[in-house]
N, C-alpha and C. Protein backbone atom coordinates (compact mmCIF):
# COMPACT_ATOMS: atom_id res chain seq x y z
N MET A 1 98.08 135.80 94.46
CA MET A 1 99.34 136.57 93.77
C MET A 1 99.81 137.72 93.27
N LYS A 2 100.36 138.71 93.41
CA LYS A 2 100.34 140.05 92.92
C LYS A 2 100.43 140.12 91.33
N CYS A 3 99.59 140.77 90.88
CA CYS A 3 99.56 140.97 89.31
C CYS A 3 101.19 141.93 89.14
N PRO A 4 102.61 141.38 88.46
CA PRO A 4 103.16 142.59 88.13
C PRO A 4 102.85 143.37 87.19
N PHE A 5 101.75 143.39 86.41
CA PHE A 5 101.49 144.41 85.88
C PHE A 5 100.39 145.60 86.43
N CYS A 6 99.36 145.20 87.15
CA CYS A 6 99.03 146.03 87.30
C CYS A 6 98.82 146.39 88.93
N GLY A 7 98.99 145.27 89.61
CA GLY A 7 99.36 144.96 90.91
C GLY A 7 98.13 144.84 91.73
N HIS A 8 97.09 144.11 90.75
CA HIS A 8 96.27 143.21 91.83
C HIS A 8 96.20 142.22 91.94
N LEU A 9 95.65 141.66 93.10
CA LEU A 9 95.85 140.79 94.25
C LEU A 9 95.05 139.45 93.57
N GLU A 10 94.11 139.10 92.69
CA GLU A 10 93.32 138.34 92.55
C GLU A 10 93.81 137.64 90.91
N ASP A 11 93.85 136.76 91.11
CA ASP A 11 94.11 135.97 89.56
C ASP A 11 93.58 134.48 89.69
N LYS A 12 93.50 133.96 88.43
CA LYS A 12 93.29 132.26 88.41
C LYS A 12 94.14 132.13 87.67
N VAL A 13 94.62 130.85 88.19
CA VAL A 13 95.95 129.79 87.02
C VAL A 13 95.67 129.03 86.01
N VAL A 14 95.88 129.39 85.19
CA VAL A 14 95.64 129.22 83.57
C VAL A 14 96.18 127.32 83.62
N ASP A 15 97.25 127.02 83.93
CA ASP A 15 98.14 125.80 83.41
C ASP A 15 99.00 125.82 84.84
N SER A 16 99.31 124.58 85.77
CA SER A 16 100.54 124.33 86.08
C SER A 16 101.13 123.07 85.53
N ARG A 17 102.18 123.16 86.20
CA ARG A 17 103.43 121.93 85.56
C ARG A 17 104.74 121.61 86.66
N GLU A 18 105.18 120.49 86.77
CA GLU A 18 106.16 120.33 87.26
C GLU A 18 107.38 120.39 86.72
N SER A 19 108.25 120.58 87.30
CA SER A 19 109.98 120.80 86.69
C SER A 19 110.74 119.20 86.39
N ARG A 20 111.32 118.64 85.91
CA ARG A 20 111.88 117.59 85.64
C ARG A 20 111.73 116.79 86.31
N GLU A 21 112.95 117.66 87.52
CA GLU A 21 113.62 117.02 88.85
C GLU A 21 112.31 117.41 89.79
N GLY A 22 111.02 117.44 89.61
CA GLY A 22 110.13 117.59 90.83
C GLY A 22 110.01 118.42 92.11
N ASP A 23 111.17 119.14 92.00
CA ASP A 23 111.30 120.08 92.81
C ASP A 23 110.45 121.87 92.83
N VAL A 24 110.01 122.08 91.35
CA VAL A 24 109.70 123.17 91.13
C VAL A 24 108.20 123.17 90.04
N ILE A 25 107.53 124.08 90.48
CA ILE A 25 106.06 123.72 90.08
C ILE A 25 105.94 125.28 89.33
N ARG A 26 105.80 125.00 88.26
CA ARG A 26 105.48 126.91 87.27
C ARG A 26 103.92 126.61 86.79
N ARG A 27 103.68 127.65 87.43
CA ARG A 27 102.39 128.26 87.32
C ARG A 27 101.95 129.43 86.16
N ARG A 28 101.64 129.24 85.02
CA ARG A 28 101.07 130.33 84.49
C ARG A 28 99.22 130.47 84.86
N ARG A 29 99.68 132.37 84.88
CA ARG A 29 98.30 133.11 85.92
C ARG A 29 97.83 134.18 84.96
N GLU A 30 96.40 134.09 85.45
CA GLU A 30 95.93 135.64 84.18
C GLU A 30 95.12 136.19 85.58
N CYS A 31 95.63 137.97 85.31
CA CYS A 31 95.13 138.41 85.99
C CYS A 31 93.49 138.78 85.82
N LEU A 32 93.40 139.00 87.13
CA LEU A 32 91.38 139.11 86.85
C LEU A 32 90.91 140.71 86.85
N LYS A 33 92.09 141.35 86.84
CA LYS A 33 91.79 143.05 86.12
C LYS A 33 91.89 143.22 85.24
N CYS A 34 93.15 143.10 84.62
CA CYS A 34 94.06 143.28 83.55
C CYS A 34 94.01 142.55 82.25
N GLU A 35 93.26 140.97 82.84
CA GLU A 35 93.74 139.90 82.12
C GLU A 35 94.77 139.72 81.20
N ARG A 36 95.95 140.20 81.77
CA ARG A 36 97.61 139.86 81.26
C ARG A 36 98.14 138.43 81.75
N ARG A 37 98.49 137.74 81.05
CA ARG A 37 99.13 136.71 82.23
C ARG A 37 101.07 136.63 82.16
N PHE A 38 100.96 136.19 83.51
CA PHE A 38 102.28 135.87 83.97
C PHE A 38 102.82 134.77 84.67
N THR A 39 103.83 134.32 84.59
CA THR A 39 104.23 132.98 85.33
C THR A 39 104.58 133.13 86.54
N SER A 40 104.39 132.07 87.61
CA SER A 40 105.28 132.10 89.27
C SER A 40 105.52 130.84 88.71
N TYR A 41 106.63 130.48 90.49
CA TYR A 41 107.29 129.43 90.17
C TYR A 41 107.18 129.17 91.47
N GLU A 42 106.97 128.17 92.00
CA GLU A 42 106.77 127.63 93.46
C GLU A 42 107.25 126.65 93.86
N ARG A 43 108.26 126.62 95.26
CA ARG A 43 109.13 125.61 95.47
C ARG A 43 109.23 125.74 97.12
N ILE A 44 109.34 124.94 97.88
CA ILE A 44 109.27 124.12 99.00
C ILE A 44 110.42 125.04 100.04
N ASP A 45 110.63 125.79 100.24
CA ASP A 45 111.75 126.91 101.26
C ASP A 45 112.05 125.73 102.54
N GLU A 46 113.19 125.14 102.17
CA GLU A 46 113.48 124.28 103.07
C GLU A 46 114.66 124.90 103.80
N ILE A 47 114.33 125.09 105.24
CA ILE A 47 115.42 125.12 106.12
C ILE A 47 115.80 123.96 107.00
N PRO A 48 117.42 123.71 106.87
CA PRO A 48 117.66 122.74 107.73
C PRO A 48 117.62 122.42 109.13
N TYR A 49 116.92 121.57 109.80
CA TYR A 49 117.50 121.38 111.06
C TYR A 49 118.94 121.38 111.25
N MET A 50 119.47 122.44 112.39
CA MET A 50 120.98 122.74 112.52
C MET A 50 121.06 121.96 113.98
N VAL A 51 122.17 121.35 114.05
CA VAL A 51 123.10 121.18 115.55
C VAL A 51 124.27 121.83 115.65
N ILE A 52 123.93 122.25 117.00
CA ILE A 52 125.33 123.00 117.53
C ILE A 52 126.41 122.19 118.07
N LYS A 53 127.58 122.53 117.54
CA LYS A 53 128.68 121.43 117.96
C LYS A 53 129.38 121.94 119.51
N LYS A 54 129.94 121.59 120.33
CA LYS A 54 130.55 121.70 121.41
C LYS A 54 131.32 122.95 121.50
N ASP A 55 132.24 123.34 119.85
CA ASP A 55 133.02 123.79 119.79
C ASP A 55 132.13 125.38 119.59
N GLY A 56 130.68 125.63 119.40
CA GLY A 56 130.05 126.46 118.53
C GLY A 56 129.44 126.58 117.40
N ARG A 57 130.41 125.75 116.56
CA ARG A 57 129.90 125.38 115.28
C ARG A 57 128.37 124.69 115.05
N ARG A 58 127.85 125.11 113.93
CA ARG A 58 126.69 125.04 113.60
C ARG A 58 126.90 123.77 112.34
N GLU A 59 126.02 122.64 111.90
CA GLU A 59 125.90 121.97 111.33
C GLU A 59 124.45 121.88 110.72
N PRO A 60 123.89 121.22 109.45
CA PRO A 60 122.88 120.63 109.24
C PRO A 60 122.99 118.87 110.12
N PHE A 61 121.32 119.15 110.62
CA PHE A 61 121.16 117.36 111.15
C PHE A 61 121.61 116.37 109.99
N ASP A 62 122.52 115.31 110.58
CA ASP A 62 122.44 113.96 109.75
C ASP A 62 121.80 112.98 110.42
N ARG A 63 120.91 112.24 110.13
CA ARG A 63 120.58 110.76 110.78
C ARG A 63 121.72 109.87 110.47
N LYS A 64 122.19 110.15 109.08
CA LYS A 64 123.16 108.74 109.25
C LYS A 64 124.07 109.04 109.90
N LYS A 65 124.39 109.87 110.32
CA LYS A 65 125.54 110.68 111.53
C LYS A 65 125.44 109.69 112.76
N VAL A 66 124.18 109.93 113.24
CA VAL A 66 123.73 109.29 114.63
C VAL A 66 123.45 108.01 114.42
N MET A 67 123.03 107.15 113.46
CA MET A 67 122.95 105.71 113.34
C MET A 67 124.50 105.13 113.11
N ALA A 68 125.16 105.90 112.56
CA ALA A 68 126.33 105.52 112.29
C ALA A 68 127.20 105.02 113.88
N GLY A 69 127.12 106.19 114.41
CA GLY A 69 127.45 106.35 116.18
C GLY A 69 126.94 105.02 117.15
N LEU A 70 125.45 104.91 116.34
CA LEU A 70 124.97 103.99 117.58
C LEU A 70 125.45 102.32 116.37
N LEU A 71 125.56 102.15 115.49
CA LEU A 71 125.77 100.99 115.13
C LEU A 71 127.05 100.71 115.19
N ARG A 72 128.51 101.98 115.95
CA ARG A 72 129.52 101.51 116.32
C ARG A 72 129.63 100.83 117.71
N ALA A 73 128.42 101.46 118.38
CA ALA A 73 128.78 101.62 119.60
C ALA A 73 127.93 100.00 120.10
N CYS A 74 126.81 99.59 118.65
CA CYS A 74 126.54 98.62 118.91
C CYS A 74 126.84 96.83 118.66
N GLU A 75 128.20 97.59 117.81
CA GLU A 75 128.94 96.60 117.02
C GLU A 75 128.72 95.06 117.78
N LYS A 76 128.66 94.10 117.62
CA LYS A 76 129.00 92.79 117.84
C LYS A 76 127.97 92.86 119.14
N ARG A 77 126.89 93.52 119.40
CA ARG A 77 125.91 93.24 120.25
C ARG A 77 124.26 92.87 119.87
N PRO A 78 123.74 92.18 121.07
CA PRO A 78 122.59 91.57 120.07
C PRO A 78 121.75 92.62 120.25
N VAL A 79 121.70 93.87 119.25
CA VAL A 79 121.08 95.07 119.23
C VAL A 79 120.35 94.63 117.89
N SER A 80 118.77 95.13 118.15
CA SER A 80 118.43 94.53 116.67
C SER A 80 118.24 95.91 115.59
N PRO A 81 118.52 95.95 114.87
CA PRO A 81 118.71 97.20 113.85
C PRO A 81 117.06 97.97 114.22
N SER A 82 116.09 97.41 114.20
CA SER A 82 114.94 98.45 114.60
C SER A 82 114.79 98.77 115.50
N LYS A 83 115.51 98.69 116.69
CA LYS A 83 115.51 99.70 118.11
C LYS A 83 116.51 100.46 117.84
N LEU A 84 118.14 100.39 116.75
CA LEU A 84 118.52 101.49 116.70
C LEU A 84 117.85 102.74 115.91
N ASP A 85 117.18 101.91 115.14
CA ASP A 85 116.29 102.70 114.12
C ASP A 85 115.39 103.93 114.86
N ALA A 86 114.17 102.85 116.44
CA ALA A 86 113.70 103.60 117.19
C ALA A 86 114.54 105.02 117.85
N ILE A 87 115.45 104.65 118.05
CA ILE A 87 116.23 105.70 118.96
C ILE A 87 117.07 106.92 117.70
N VAL A 88 116.98 106.79 116.60
CA VAL A 88 117.43 107.63 115.71
C VAL A 88 116.43 108.46 114.73
N VAL A 89 115.15 107.90 115.33
CA VAL A 89 114.05 108.79 114.88
C VAL A 89 113.71 109.34 116.19
N ALA A 90 113.65 108.99 117.36
CA ALA A 90 112.90 109.85 118.41
C ALA A 90 114.52 110.47 118.59
N ILE A 91 115.33 110.73 118.17
CA ILE A 91 116.72 111.80 118.08
C ILE A 91 115.99 112.75 116.74
N GLU A 92 115.33 112.29 115.81
CA GLU A 92 115.42 113.09 114.56
C GLU A 92 113.64 113.74 115.04
N LYS A 93 113.00 113.67 116.05
CA LYS A 93 111.90 114.29 116.52
C LYS A 93 111.79 114.93 117.56
N PHE A 94 113.04 114.79 118.45
CA PHE A 94 113.67 115.76 119.26
C PHE A 94 114.36 117.10 118.86
N VAL A 95 114.69 116.95 117.30
CA VAL A 95 115.65 117.79 116.91
C VAL A 95 114.47 118.82 116.54
N GLN A 96 113.41 117.63 115.63
CA GLN A 96 112.61 118.81 114.74
C GLN A 96 111.65 119.28 115.83
N ASP A 97 111.55 119.06 116.77
CA ASP A 97 110.79 119.73 117.67
C ASP A 97 111.27 121.02 118.40
N SER A 98 112.55 121.42 117.91
CA SER A 98 113.28 122.94 118.66
C SER A 98 112.25 123.52 118.05
N ARG A 99 111.64 124.67 118.86
CA ARG A 99 111.20 125.93 118.10
C ARG A 99 112.37 126.54 117.11
N ASP A 100 113.60 126.91 117.86
CA ASP A 100 114.64 127.56 116.74
C ASP A 100 115.29 126.42 115.64
N ARG A 101 114.99 124.77 115.35
CA ARG A 101 115.44 124.02 114.52
C ARG A 101 116.99 123.74 114.87
N GLU A 102 117.09 124.09 115.38
CA GLU A 102 118.59 123.56 116.37
C GLU A 102 118.77 123.81 117.46
N ARG A 103 119.29 122.37 117.93
CA ARG A 103 119.89 121.49 119.26
C ARG A 103 121.34 121.35 119.36
N SER A 104 121.68 121.04 120.53
CA SER A 104 123.10 121.80 121.07
C SER A 104 123.67 119.72 120.29
N THR A 105 124.86 119.25 120.49
CA THR A 105 125.25 118.00 120.19
C THR A 105 125.37 117.54 121.95
N GLN A 106 125.32 117.65 122.48
CA GLN A 106 125.27 117.74 124.04
C GLN A 106 123.96 117.32 124.42
N LYS A 107 122.61 118.05 124.24
CA LYS A 107 121.28 117.55 124.38
C LYS A 107 120.94 116.67 123.80
N ILE A 108 121.58 116.13 122.44
CA ILE A 108 121.60 114.85 121.18
C ILE A 108 122.57 113.67 122.54
N GLY A 109 123.54 113.51 122.42
CA GLY A 109 124.23 112.94 123.08
C GLY A 109 123.82 112.47 124.60
N GLU A 110 123.49 113.37 125.15
CA GLU A 110 122.72 113.18 126.52
C GLU A 110 121.26 111.88 126.30
N LEU A 111 120.83 112.49 125.40
CA LEU A 111 119.22 111.30 124.90
C LEU A 111 119.86 110.36 124.22
N ILE A 112 120.84 110.32 123.50
CA ILE A 112 121.21 108.83 122.94
C ILE A 112 121.75 108.13 124.00
N MET A 113 122.45 108.89 125.23
CA MET A 113 122.98 108.18 126.51
C MET A 113 122.41 107.17 127.05
N ARG A 114 121.11 107.91 127.43
CA ARG A 114 119.75 107.18 128.37
C ARG A 114 118.86 106.26 127.16
N ARG A 115 119.04 106.75 126.14
CA ARG A 115 118.46 105.19 125.56
C ARG A 115 119.33 104.21 125.09
N LEU A 116 120.60 104.06 125.17
CA LEU A 116 121.38 102.88 124.84
C LEU A 116 121.68 102.63 126.70
N LYS A 117 121.68 103.24 127.81
CA LYS A 117 121.65 102.62 128.79
C LYS A 117 120.59 102.05 129.37
N ASP A 118 118.80 102.06 128.49
CA ASP A 118 117.95 101.20 129.07
C ASP A 118 118.30 100.22 127.91
N LEU A 119 118.56 100.21 126.75
CA LEU A 119 118.71 98.85 125.73
C LEU A 119 119.97 98.03 125.49
N ASP A 120 121.39 98.34 126.08
CA ASP A 120 122.27 97.51 126.39
C ASP A 120 123.43 98.43 126.67
N LYS A 121 123.40 97.99 127.83
CA LYS A 121 125.06 98.97 128.93
C LYS A 121 126.45 98.61 128.55
N VAL A 122 126.83 97.47 127.37
CA VAL A 122 127.95 97.99 127.04
C VAL A 122 128.09 98.16 125.69
N ALA A 123 126.81 98.55 124.86
CA ALA A 123 126.95 99.84 123.76
C ALA A 123 126.92 101.06 124.33
N TYR A 124 126.06 101.51 125.74
CA TYR A 124 126.43 102.80 126.46
C TYR A 124 127.73 102.56 126.79
N VAL A 125 128.22 101.73 127.27
CA VAL A 125 129.69 102.36 127.92
C VAL A 125 130.46 103.07 126.59
N ARG A 126 130.34 101.93 125.35
CA ARG A 126 131.50 102.57 124.17
C ARG A 126 130.93 103.58 123.69
N PHE A 127 129.73 104.17 123.84
CA PHE A 127 129.19 105.32 123.64
C PHE A 127 129.71 106.29 124.09
N ALA A 128 129.73 105.88 125.49
CA ALA A 128 130.02 107.12 126.54
C ALA A 128 131.19 107.39 126.65
N SER A 129 132.28 106.58 126.23
CA SER A 129 133.55 106.66 126.21
C SER A 129 133.90 107.79 125.14
N VAL A 130 133.65 107.63 123.97
CA VAL A 130 133.49 108.41 123.27
C VAL A 130 133.19 110.03 123.23
N TYR A 131 131.90 109.45 123.79
CA TYR A 131 131.04 110.95 123.64
C TYR A 131 131.57 111.49 125.04
N LEU A 132 131.92 111.30 125.78
CA LEU A 132 132.19 111.61 127.27
C LEU A 132 133.72 112.92 127.09
N GLU A 133 134.72 111.67 126.59
CA GLU A 133 135.96 112.32 126.17
C GLU A 133 136.68 111.79 127.80
N PHE A 134 136.29 110.40 128.05
CA PHE A 134 137.38 110.39 128.95
C PHE A 134 138.71 110.89 129.28
N LYS A 135 139.68 111.36 130.28
CA LYS A 135 140.28 111.75 130.22
C LYS A 135 141.20 110.85 130.28
N ASP A 136 140.87 109.86 131.34
CA ASP A 136 142.12 108.75 131.62
C ASP A 136 141.30 107.60 132.60
N VAL A 137 141.55 106.01 132.70
CA VAL A 137 141.01 105.37 132.90
C VAL A 137 140.48 105.79 134.16
N THR A 138 140.88 106.22 135.39
CA THR A 138 140.31 106.65 136.22
C THR A 138 138.44 107.28 135.78
N GLU A 139 138.35 107.88 135.24
CA GLU A 139 137.17 108.96 134.69
C GLU A 139 136.28 107.40 134.32
N PHE A 140 137.34 106.87 133.50
CA PHE A 140 136.16 105.25 132.42
C PHE A 140 135.75 104.69 134.09
N MET A 141 136.28 104.23 134.73
CA MET A 141 136.06 103.03 135.91
C MET A 141 135.41 103.69 136.61
N HIS A 142 135.33 105.32 137.09
CA HIS A 142 134.00 106.15 137.82
C HIS A 142 132.88 105.71 136.70
N GLU A 143 132.66 105.67 135.92
CA GLU A 143 131.33 105.50 134.81
C GLU A 143 131.15 104.15 134.77
N LEU A 144 132.10 103.26 135.06
CA LEU A 144 131.74 101.92 135.10
C LEU A 144 130.97 101.18 136.48
N LYS A 145 131.74 102.13 137.73
CA LYS A 145 131.15 101.41 138.89
C LYS A 145 129.90 102.23 138.92
N SER A 146 129.44 103.61 138.59
CA SER A 146 127.97 104.36 138.42
C SER A 146 127.45 103.17 137.99
N LEU A 147 127.11 102.65 137.11
CA LEU A 147 126.44 102.54 135.81
C LEU A 147 125.92 100.65 136.77
N VAL A 148 127.19 100.03 137.40
CA VAL A 148 127.42 98.67 137.53
C VAL A 148 126.27 99.24 139.66
N LYS A 149 126.52 100.06 140.00
CA LYS A 149 125.52 100.52 141.35
C LYS A 149 124.46 100.60 140.81
N ALA A 150 124.14 100.99 139.99
CA ALA A 150 122.48 101.85 139.51
C ALA A 150 121.81 100.76 138.69
N SER A 151 122.46 99.31 137.96
CA SER A 151 122.02 98.18 137.86
C SER A 151 121.47 97.33 139.15
N GLY A 152 121.91 97.55 139.76
CA GLY A 152 121.93 96.89 141.48
C GLY A 152 122.51 95.75 141.55
N SER A 153 123.68 95.30 140.63
CA SER A 153 124.71 94.07 140.48
C SER A 153 126.14 94.39 140.93
N SER A 154 126.36 93.60 141.39
CA SER A 154 128.47 93.74 142.02
C SER A 154 128.69 92.90 140.32
N THR A 155 130.15 93.01 140.33
CA THR A 155 130.72 92.49 139.44
C THR A 155 130.73 91.00 139.48
N PRO A 156 130.42 90.27 138.28
CA PRO A 156 130.71 88.49 138.58
C PRO A 156 132.16 88.27 138.85
N SER A 157 132.35 87.04 140.08
CA SER A 157 133.26 87.04 140.66
C SER A 157 134.15 86.26 139.51
N SER A 158 135.43 86.07 139.58
CA SER A 158 136.52 85.59 138.69
C SER A 158 136.23 84.02 138.55
N SER A 159 135.13 83.15 139.10
CA SER A 159 134.61 81.71 139.11
C SER A 159 133.32 81.92 137.78
N SER A 160 133.19 82.96 137.67
CA SER A 160 131.64 83.07 136.63
C SER A 160 131.73 83.47 135.92
N ARG A 161 132.51 83.75 135.25
CA ARG A 161 133.35 84.45 133.91
C ARG A 161 133.70 83.03 133.02
N LYS A 162 133.73 83.66 131.83
CA LYS A 162 133.59 82.87 130.88
C LYS A 162 135.56 83.23 130.66
N LYS A 163 135.80 81.98 130.90
CA LYS A 163 137.48 81.67 130.37
C LYS A 163 137.90 82.09 128.96
N PRO A 164 138.68 82.80 128.66
CA PRO A 164 139.24 82.54 126.90
C PRO A 164 139.65 81.40 126.73
N PRO A 165 139.26 81.17 125.26
CA PRO A 165 139.74 79.57 124.75
C PRO A 165 141.43 79.78 124.49
N ALA A 166 141.87 78.65 124.96
CA ALA A 166 142.91 78.23 125.31
C ALA A 166 144.31 78.04 123.73
């Protein structure tokens, strides 16, 4: 720390205290050259991780939003909360691994869809229907057909389907 009085670069810390909130540390220092005392304040400089929206806007990454989207997609599905949390952790790590501290929502959405496709096909379709913004039923059916084709199964016959209660 540079002495504000003589400009010397060496000092010793005489006293340290945290603020009440715990976000700032106050340090009393003494210059080793002129022996005058001065106070410095230290705080963590947090630069938030950002996401770039489809329209170009930037906003801070919010893991709660990712979890909310997953919970909506998996509503009434046999998916454990721990598996959803694992997806959120993977997404958060993906965002934090960015050199620029930002990722596009397009890349985040694609990663979520890949994870959901492996986890639960119905949740995947629910998420994809919102994320991919299908314009009409034809686009939605195309995605369903490709999902069925990729899983190697055909649609169940009408005799094997559950019938709704009367």
